[in-house]
Amino acid sequence: MPGCAAHRTSPLAYTLGPSSGESKVAIEVSKGRAQLTRNGEPYFILGAGGKDHLDLLADAGGNSIRTWSVGSDTKRLLDAAHK
């Protein structure tokens, strides 16, 4: 996606984040176990798939969404999810 930078940091670790440095998301591997982190802290996905009712997801404690494609409305969707 434009504006994002991704690079492989080890055989099983990737870092993904906005090129502006707002957040750093990584899969960190230690002693054979992988941990998703965001800004250096463990990140546990509490999410749903879709693009509607983001307010209900947030009210239920959700912190992530899953989409199935990228298109002309992707920026709007990600901006709405960020709120």
N, C-alpha and C. Protein backbone atom coordinates (compact mmCIF):
# COMPACT_ATOMS: atom_id res chain seq x y z
N MET A 1 0.84 -1.17 0.00
CA MET A 1 0.00 0.00 0.00
C MET A 1 0.89 1.24 0.00
N PRO A 2 0.55 2.26 -0.75
CA PRO A 2 1.38 3.47 -0.76
C PRO A 2 1.52 4.04 0.65
N GLY A 3 2.69 4.52 0.98
CA GLY A 3 2.93 5.11 2.28
C GLY A 3 3.38 4.13 3.35
N CYS A 4 3.38 2.84 3.03
CA CYS A 4 3.80 1.82 3.99
C CYS A 4 5.16 1.28 3.58
N ALA A 5 5.94 0.95 4.57
CA ALA A 5 7.23 0.33 4.32
C ALA A 5 7.24 -1.03 5.00
N ALA A 6 7.74 -2.03 4.32
CA ALA A 6 7.84 -3.37 4.91
C ALA A 6 9.21 -3.92 4.60
N HIS A 7 9.81 -4.58 5.56
CA HIS A 7 11.08 -5.23 5.30
C HIS A 7 11.23 -6.45 6.21
N ARG A 8 11.95 -7.41 5.71
CA ARG A 8 12.20 -8.63 6.45
C ARG A 8 13.37 -8.39 7.38
N THR A 9 13.18 -8.70 8.67
CA THR A 9 14.23 -8.46 9.64
C THR A 9 14.94 -9.74 10.07
N SER A 10 14.36 -10.90 9.79
CA SER A 10 14.98 -12.19 10.04
C SER A 10 14.19 -13.22 9.24
N PRO A 11 14.59 -14.49 9.24
CA PRO A 11 13.86 -15.46 8.43
C PRO A 11 12.36 -15.51 8.73
N LEU A 12 11.93 -15.22 9.95
CA LEU A 12 10.51 -15.28 10.29
C LEU A 12 9.99 -13.98 10.89
N ALA A 13 10.65 -12.88 10.68
CA ALA A 13 10.20 -11.62 11.26
C ALA A 13 10.06 -10.56 10.19
N TYR A 14 8.97 -9.86 10.22
CA TYR A 14 8.71 -8.78 9.29
C TYR A 14 8.32 -7.54 10.08
N THR A 15 8.64 -6.40 9.55
CA THR A 15 8.23 -5.14 10.14
C THR A 15 7.40 -4.41 9.11
N LEU A 16 6.26 -3.89 9.50
CA LEU A 16 5.39 -3.14 8.62
C LEU A 16 4.93 -1.90 9.35
N GLY A 17 5.03 -0.78 8.69
CA GLY A 17 4.57 0.46 9.32
C GLY A 17 4.56 1.58 8.32
N PRO A 18 3.81 2.62 8.63
CA PRO A 18 3.78 3.78 7.75
C PRO A 18 5.17 4.36 7.59
N SER A 19 5.47 4.83 6.42
CA SER A 19 6.79 5.42 6.20
C SER A 19 7.00 6.65 7.07
N SER A 20 5.90 7.24 7.56
CA SER A 20 6.02 8.41 8.43
C SER A 20 6.42 8.02 9.85
N GLY A 21 6.45 6.72 10.16
CA GLY A 21 6.88 6.26 11.47
C GLY A 21 5.81 6.32 12.54
N GLU A 22 4.53 6.41 12.17
CA GLU A 22 3.47 6.51 13.18
C GLU A 22 3.40 5.27 14.06
N SER A 23 3.47 4.08 13.48
CA SER A 23 3.42 2.83 14.24
C SER A 23 4.38 1.84 13.62
N LYS A 24 4.88 0.96 14.45
CA LYS A 24 5.71 -0.12 13.96
C LYS A 24 5.04 -1.42 14.36
N VAL A 25 4.71 -2.24 13.38
CA VAL A 25 4.10 -3.54 13.62
C VAL A 25 5.12 -4.59 13.17
N ALA A 26 5.35 -5.58 14.03
CA ALA A 26 6.36 -6.58 13.71
C ALA A 26 5.91 -7.94 14.22
N ILE A 27 6.43 -8.98 13.58
CA ILE A 27 6.34 -10.34 14.09
C ILE A 27 7.73 -10.67 14.60
N GLU A 28 7.85 -10.81 15.90
CA GLU A 28 9.14 -11.07 16.52
C GLU A 28 9.20 -12.54 16.92
N VAL A 29 10.30 -13.19 16.60
CA VAL A 29 10.47 -14.61 16.89
C VAL A 29 11.57 -14.77 17.93
N SER A 30 11.25 -15.51 18.98
CA SER A 30 12.21 -15.78 20.04
C SER A 30 11.97 -17.19 20.56
N LYS A 31 13.02 -17.97 20.63
CA LYS A 31 12.95 -19.35 21.15
C LYS A 31 11.86 -20.15 20.44
N GLY A 32 11.74 -19.96 19.12
CA GLY A 32 10.79 -20.72 18.33
C GLY A 32 9.35 -20.27 18.42
N ARG A 33 9.09 -19.15 19.08
CA ARG A 33 7.73 -18.64 19.23
C ARG A 33 7.63 -17.26 18.58
N ALA A 34 6.52 -17.00 17.94
CA ALA A 34 6.30 -15.72 17.28
C ALA A 34 5.35 -14.87 18.10
N GLN A 35 5.61 -13.57 18.12
CA GLN A 35 4.76 -12.62 18.84
C GLN A 35 4.53 -11.41 17.96
N LEU A 36 3.28 -11.06 17.73
CA LEU A 36 2.94 -9.84 17.02
C LEU A 36 3.11 -8.68 17.98
N THR A 37 3.82 -7.63 17.54
CA THR A 37 4.00 -6.46 18.39
C THR A 37 3.60 -5.20 17.63
N ARG A 38 3.20 -4.20 18.37
CA ARG A 38 2.90 -2.88 17.82
C ARG A 38 3.62 -1.87 18.71
N ASN A 39 4.51 -1.12 18.10
CA ASN A 39 5.33 -0.16 18.83
C ASN A 39 6.07 -0.82 19.99
N GLY A 40 6.55 -2.04 19.75
CA GLY A 40 7.35 -2.74 20.74
C GLY A 40 6.58 -3.46 21.83
N GLU A 41 5.26 -3.37 21.84
CA GLU A 41 4.43 -4.01 22.87
C GLU A 41 3.65 -5.17 22.24
N PRO A 42 3.41 -6.25 22.99
CA PRO A 42 2.61 -7.34 22.45
C PRO A 42 1.25 -6.83 21.96
N TYR A 43 0.81 -7.35 20.82
CA TYR A 43 -0.46 -6.92 20.23
C TYR A 43 -1.31 -8.16 20.01
N PHE A 44 -2.48 -8.17 20.61
CA PHE A 44 -3.41 -9.28 20.48
C PHE A 44 -4.59 -8.81 19.64
N ILE A 45 -4.85 -9.51 18.56
CA ILE A 45 -5.90 -9.12 17.63
C ILE A 45 -7.26 -9.48 18.20
N LEU A 46 -8.10 -8.47 18.34
CA LEU A 46 -9.49 -8.62 18.73
C LEU A 46 -10.28 -7.98 17.60
N GLY A 47 -10.65 -8.75 16.60
CA GLY A 47 -11.20 -8.13 15.42
C GLY A 47 -12.31 -8.90 14.75
N ALA A 48 -12.66 -8.37 13.59
CA ALA A 48 -13.72 -8.94 12.77
C ALA A 48 -13.40 -8.66 11.31
N GLY A 49 -14.05 -9.39 10.43
CA GLY A 49 -13.90 -9.16 9.01
C GLY A 49 -15.04 -8.28 8.51
N GLY A 50 -14.72 -7.36 7.62
CA GLY A 50 -15.75 -6.52 7.04
C GLY A 50 -15.37 -5.06 7.08
N LYS A 51 -16.31 -4.24 6.60
CA LYS A 51 -16.04 -2.81 6.54
C LYS A 51 -17.18 -1.97 7.10
N ASP A 52 -18.19 -2.62 7.65
CA ASP A 52 -19.33 -1.91 8.21
C ASP A 52 -19.37 -2.08 9.72
N HIS A 53 -20.08 -1.20 10.38
CA HIS A 53 -20.32 -1.29 11.82
C HIS A 53 -19.04 -1.24 12.64
N LEU A 54 -18.08 -0.43 12.21
CA LEU A 54 -16.82 -0.32 12.96
C LEU A 54 -17.06 0.22 14.36
N ASP A 55 -18.10 1.04 14.53
CA ASP A 55 -18.42 1.56 15.86
C ASP A 55 -18.81 0.43 16.81
N LEU A 56 -19.55 -0.56 16.32
CA LEU A 56 -19.93 -1.70 17.16
C LEU A 56 -18.72 -2.54 17.53
N LEU A 57 -17.82 -2.70 16.58
CA LEU A 57 -16.59 -3.45 16.86
C LEU A 57 -15.79 -2.75 17.94
N ALA A 58 -15.63 -1.43 17.82
CA ALA A 58 -14.88 -0.67 18.83
C ALA A 58 -15.55 -0.74 20.19
N ASP A 59 -16.89 -0.62 20.21
CA ASP A 59 -17.62 -0.69 21.48
C ASP A 59 -17.45 -2.05 22.16
N ALA A 60 -17.24 -3.10 21.35
CA ALA A 60 -17.05 -4.45 21.90
C ALA A 60 -15.59 -4.73 22.26
N GLY A 61 -14.72 -3.71 22.11
CA GLY A 61 -13.32 -3.88 22.47
C GLY A 61 -12.43 -4.30 21.31
N GLY A 62 -12.96 -4.28 20.09
CA GLY A 62 -12.18 -4.68 18.92
C GLY A 62 -11.08 -3.68 18.60
N ASN A 63 -9.98 -4.18 18.06
CA ASN A 63 -8.85 -3.32 17.71
C ASN A 63 -8.33 -3.56 16.30
N SER A 64 -8.97 -4.45 15.53
CA SER A 64 -8.46 -4.82 14.21
C SER A 64 -9.61 -5.17 13.28
N ILE A 65 -9.38 -4.94 11.97
CA ILE A 65 -10.34 -5.39 10.97
C ILE A 65 -9.59 -6.17 9.91
N ARG A 66 -10.33 -7.02 9.21
CA ARG A 66 -9.76 -7.79 8.11
C ARG A 66 -10.56 -7.43 6.87
N THR A 67 -9.86 -7.12 5.79
CA THR A 67 -10.50 -6.85 4.52
C THR A 67 -10.05 -7.90 3.51
N TRP A 68 -10.77 -8.00 2.40
CA TRP A 68 -10.46 -9.01 1.40
C TRP A 68 -9.92 -8.41 0.11
N SER A 69 -9.82 -7.11 0.05
CA SER A 69 -9.31 -6.49 -1.17
C SER A 69 -8.82 -5.08 -0.88
N VAL A 70 -8.17 -4.50 -1.87
CA VAL A 70 -7.73 -3.12 -1.82
C VAL A 70 -8.36 -2.43 -3.02
N GLY A 71 -8.97 -1.27 -2.79
CA GLY A 71 -9.61 -0.56 -3.89
C GLY A 71 -9.66 0.92 -3.63
N SER A 72 -10.52 1.58 -4.36
CA SER A 72 -10.60 3.04 -4.28
C SER A 72 -11.09 3.53 -2.92
N ASP A 73 -11.79 2.68 -2.15
CA ASP A 73 -12.29 3.10 -0.84
C ASP A 73 -11.40 2.66 0.32
N THR A 74 -10.26 2.07 0.03
CA THR A 74 -9.40 1.54 1.09
C THR A 74 -8.92 2.62 2.05
N LYS A 75 -8.48 3.76 1.54
CA LYS A 75 -8.00 4.84 2.42
C LYS A 75 -9.12 5.31 3.33
N ARG A 76 -10.33 5.48 2.79
CA ARG A 76 -11.45 5.92 3.60
C ARG A 76 -11.74 4.89 4.70
N LEU A 77 -11.72 3.61 4.34
CA LEU A 77 -11.98 2.55 5.31
C LEU A 77 -10.92 2.55 6.42
N LEU A 78 -9.66 2.63 6.06
CA LEU A 78 -8.60 2.63 7.08
C LEU A 78 -8.66 3.87 7.95
N ASP A 79 -8.98 5.02 7.36
CA ASP A 79 -9.14 6.24 8.16
C ASP A 79 -10.29 6.10 9.14
N ALA A 80 -11.42 5.51 8.70
CA ALA A 80 -12.57 5.31 9.58
C ALA A 80 -12.23 4.32 10.69
N ALA A 81 -11.50 3.27 10.36
CA ALA A 81 -11.12 2.27 11.36
C ALA A 81 -10.18 2.87 12.40
N HIS A 82 -9.32 3.78 11.97
CA HIS A 82 -8.37 4.41 12.89
C HIS A 82 -9.06 5.26 13.94
N LYS A 83 -10.20 5.84 13.60
CA LYS A 83 -10.97 6.68 14.54
C LYS A 83 -11.58 5.81 15.58
